C-alpha atoms as a PDB file:
ATOM      1  CA  MET A   1     111.147  90.166  90.986  1.00  0.00           C
ATOM      2  CA  CYS A   2     111.461  92.591  93.857  1.00  0.00           C
ATOM      3  CA  ASP A   3     112.710  93.021  97.228  1.00  0.00           C
ATOM      4  CA  PRO A   4     110.579  91.926 100.244  1.00  0.00           C
ATOM      5  CA  GLU A   5     109.765  95.532 101.222  1.00  0.00           C
ATOM      6  CA  THR A   6     108.573  96.347  97.894  1.00  0.00           C
ATOM      7  CA  LEU A   7     106.725  92.957  97.743  1.00  0.00           C
ATOM      8  CA  SER A   8     104.708  93.776 100.951  1.00  0.00           C
ATOM      9  CA  GLN A   9     103.944  97.218 100.105  1.00  0.00           C
ATOM     10  CA  ILE A  10     102.542  96.364  96.445  1.00  0.00           C
ATOM     11  CA  LEU A  11     100.894  92.866  97.054  1.00  0.00           C
ATOM     12  CA  GLY A  12     100.555  92.793 100.696  1.00  0.00           C
ATOM     13  CA  THR A  13     102.395  89.187 101.141  1.00  0.00           C
ATOM     14  CA  GLU A  14     105.920  88.105 102.353  1.00  0.00           C
ATOM     15  CA  VAL A  15     108.531  86.462 100.362  1.00  0.00           C
ATOM     16  CA  GLY A  16     107.345  82.812  99.598  1.00  0.00           C
ATOM     17  CA  GLY A  17     103.826  83.826  99.859  1.00  0.00           C
ATOM     18  CA  LEU A  18     103.237  85.117  96.273  1.00  0.00           C
ATOM     19  CA  ALA A  19     100.146  83.420  94.930  1.00  0.00           C
ATOM     20  CA  PRO A  20      99.550  83.074  91.212  1.00  0.00           C
ATOM     21  CA  PHE A  21      96.182  84.700  91.471  1.00  0.00           C
ATOM     22  CA  GLY A  22      93.729  86.764  93.518  1.00  0.00           C
ATOM     23  CA  TYR A  23      95.242  90.293  93.292  1.00  0.00           C
ATOM     24  CA  GLU A  24      93.246  93.259  92.314  1.00  0.00           C
ATOM     25  CA  LEU A  25      96.183  95.285  91.250  1.00  0.00           C
ATOM     26  CA  ASN A  26      97.541  94.984  87.524  1.00  0.00           C
ATOM     27  CA  VAL A  27     100.126  92.251  87.966  1.00  0.00           C
ATOM     28  CA  GLN A  28     101.490  90.765  84.820  1.00  0.00           C
ATOM     29  CA  LEU A  29     101.530  87.066  85.436  1.00  0.00           C
ATOM     30  CA  VAL A  30     103.785  84.927  83.226  1.00  0.00           C
ATOM     31  CA  VAL A  31     102.923  81.242  83.056  1.00  0.00           C
ATOM     32  CA  SER A  32     104.515  78.161  81.215  1.00  0.00           C
ATOM     33  CA  SER A  33     101.999  76.164  79.243  1.00  0.00           C
ATOM     34  CA  THR A  34     103.417  72.986  80.451  1.00  0.00           C
ATOM     35  CA  LEU A  35     101.886  73.574  83.661  1.00  0.00           C
ATOM     36  CA  PHE A  36      98.553  72.854  82.173  1.00  0.00           C
ATOM     37  CA  LYS A  37      99.400  69.365  81.012  1.00  0.00           C
ATOM     38  CA  GLN A  38     100.171  68.464  84.851  1.00  0.00           C
ATOM     39  CA  LYS A  39      97.596  66.201  86.376  1.00  0.00           C
ATOM     40  CA  TYR A  40      97.804  68.402  89.579  1.00  0.00           C
ATOM     41  CA  ILE A  41      99.744  71.648  90.445  1.00  0.00           C
ATOM     42  CA  TYR A  42     100.637  72.568  93.834  1.00  0.00           C
ATOM     43  CA  LEU A  43     100.405  76.319  94.715  1.00  0.00           C
ATOM     44  CA  ASN A  44     101.015  78.743  97.443  1.00  0.00           C
ATOM     45  CA  PRO A  45      97.555  80.477  98.417  1.00  0.00           C
ATOM     46  CA  GLY A  46      99.197  83.760  99.196  1.00  0.00           C
ATOM     47  CA  ARG A  47     100.684  82.454 102.605  1.00  0.00           C
ATOM     48  CA  ASN A  48     103.665  80.428 103.741  1.00  0.00           C
ATOM     49  CA  ASP A  49     101.576  77.957 105.847  1.00  0.00           C
ATOM     50  CA  ALA A  50      99.281  76.617 103.378  1.00  0.00           C
ATOM     51  CA  THR A  51      99.011  74.970  99.945  1.00  0.00           C
ATOM     52  CA  ILE A  52      96.559  74.663  97.268  1.00  0.00           C
ATOM     53  CA  CYS A  53      96.238  71.555  94.850  1.00  0.00           C
ATOM     54  CA  ILE A  54      94.530  72.295  91.405  1.00  0.00           C
ATOM     55  CA  SER A  55      94.450  70.399  88.174  1.00  0.00           C
ATOM     56  CA  GLY A  56      96.227  71.405  85.144  1.00  0.00           C
ATOM     57  CA  GLU A  57      93.054  72.052  83.353  1.00  0.00           C
ATOM     58  CA  ASP A  58      91.486  74.093  86.119  1.00  0.00           C
ATOM     59  CA  PHE A  59      94.518  76.148  86.606  1.00  0.00           C
ATOM     60  CA  LYS A  60      94.446  76.763  82.790  1.00  0.00           C
ATOM     61  CA  SER A  61      90.686  78.062  83.257  1.00  0.00           C
ATOM     62  CA  VAL A  62      91.797  80.548  85.895  1.00  0.00           C
ATOM     63  CA  MET A  63      94.798  81.854  84.333  1.00  0.00           C
ATOM     64  CA  LEU A  64      92.990  82.497  80.708  1.00  0.00           C
ATOM     65  CA  GLY A  65      90.253  84.257  82.864  1.00  0.00           C
ATOM     66  CA  ASN A  66      92.950  86.278  84.402  1.00  0.00           C
ATOM     67  CA  LYS A  67      94.608  87.234  81.117  1.00  0.00           C
ATOM     68  CA  ALA A  68      97.973  85.729  82.238  1.00  0.00           C
ATOM     69  CA  ARG A  69     100.727  85.644  79.611  1.00  0.00           C
ATOM     70  CA  ILE A  70     100.994  81.919  78.392  1.00  0.00           C
ATOM     71  CA  LEU A  71     104.409  80.884  77.168  1.00  0.00           C
END
């Protein structure tokens, strides 16, 4: 977690616009494995005015490909 200014400087996004993937920087993402069991997951794509719908299985594939820390 960080303050809004740091979020903007490091990831180029605003509060509420943090997506779970798509960053070139070394960002450590921690994900609960319970998300993978959901039929659909609705995510923020890095902006506050849009939403992504992805299946739990597809989300798992993306997260494992991004070397997320799975809990």
